[in-house]
Amino acid sequence: MSPASQPSSRAGLSGRARRAVRVPLAALTVIAALAASAGAASAGPVERPGASAEEAVRYVALGDSFSSGPGIPDRTDATCGRSSRNYPSLIAAELGAASFTDATCAGADTSHMTNPQAAVAPQLDALRPDTTLVTLGIGGNDLDLAGILTRCVILGQVVPYGAPCKSSYTLLGTDEIGSRIASTAPKVAAVLAEIHGRSPEARVLVVGYPAILPDDGTACRSTVSLATGDFPWIRDKEKQLNSMLAQQAGERRDVYVDAYAPSVGHDTCKPAGVRWIEPEDTAEAAGFHPNAAGHRSTADAALATLTR
């Protein structure tokens, strides 16, 4: 979910956060530098026999690194950071999809739905007129979330208390991140309109982002060296992003998948075995990205919406 320009096998929202736990400034600098991916086409459809043509689920997954699952074994695509245990793969397996195309790619933003991401084809090219299910997890890279985190860590190391990062983004009474979220809303709306135009029979699920930092606003400076007051501010901006995504889904009568609520208590600050977001590159996932348990939770939340 990050818009930097260099390819990485574990790139995405925060790319290679090699040392985000102990040395978060260095990690987040790398996050900003290695976030986007390029060099391979989207995965083609995987056909599965079984259901009749009328009942068959033909599923296409679209989105950024929070959907592709960088660093989670087993890796199915190094360029886009896709995992065989990302939530799209779990959904496809649970539904017994007759066909499944995972077009998710680390570093993607809304522009990469209709335009190439370096050598990666536009994600919407994976859609077909007979597609019956689409998941879309996008929006974070449009905000430059990696850049926001990098600035916040720099300021947090200089001013460990208060909310220096919030102050830097709200000078003269402005709300720069809120403005970015607002300007991303019509881009998400345009993507949804394009999805329905290309796949008019598809049910579309807009997937939100899980809790990256503690929902109660507490700080864990030994893990992430943000200023104490910036922990709740970043939490609030993520909630604002999710609210925008929910609103855009609702305006088209699409379905919003709440990945945040089930993940509360499993954020980056929690210990291994409890957390669903890794604070650095581990054997479980790329830094500042959901691990397999996080993707399982998002898959469950998405599947639950299909039975309503």
Foldseek 3Di string as FASTA:
>chain_A
DAAAQAFFLFAALQGAQAQCQADVLVSLVVRNHHHFFDDDEFAAKDAFDDDDLVPAAAEEEEEACLQQFALAPPADDRRFRHHCLFLQNVLCVVSVHRIYTYRYGGNDALVLCCCPRHHYHRRVVNFAQAHAEYEYEHDSNLLNSSVLLSVQLVVLVVPQADAVSCCVCQPPNRRNSLVSLVVCLVSVLVSVVVNCVRHVNYQYEYEADAQAAAPVQADDCSGHRGRSNVSNVVRVSSVSNLVSSCVSCVVVVHHYQYLHVVQHQQHCNDDPPRHQADCGNDSQGHHRHGGSVSSVSSSVSVVVVVVD
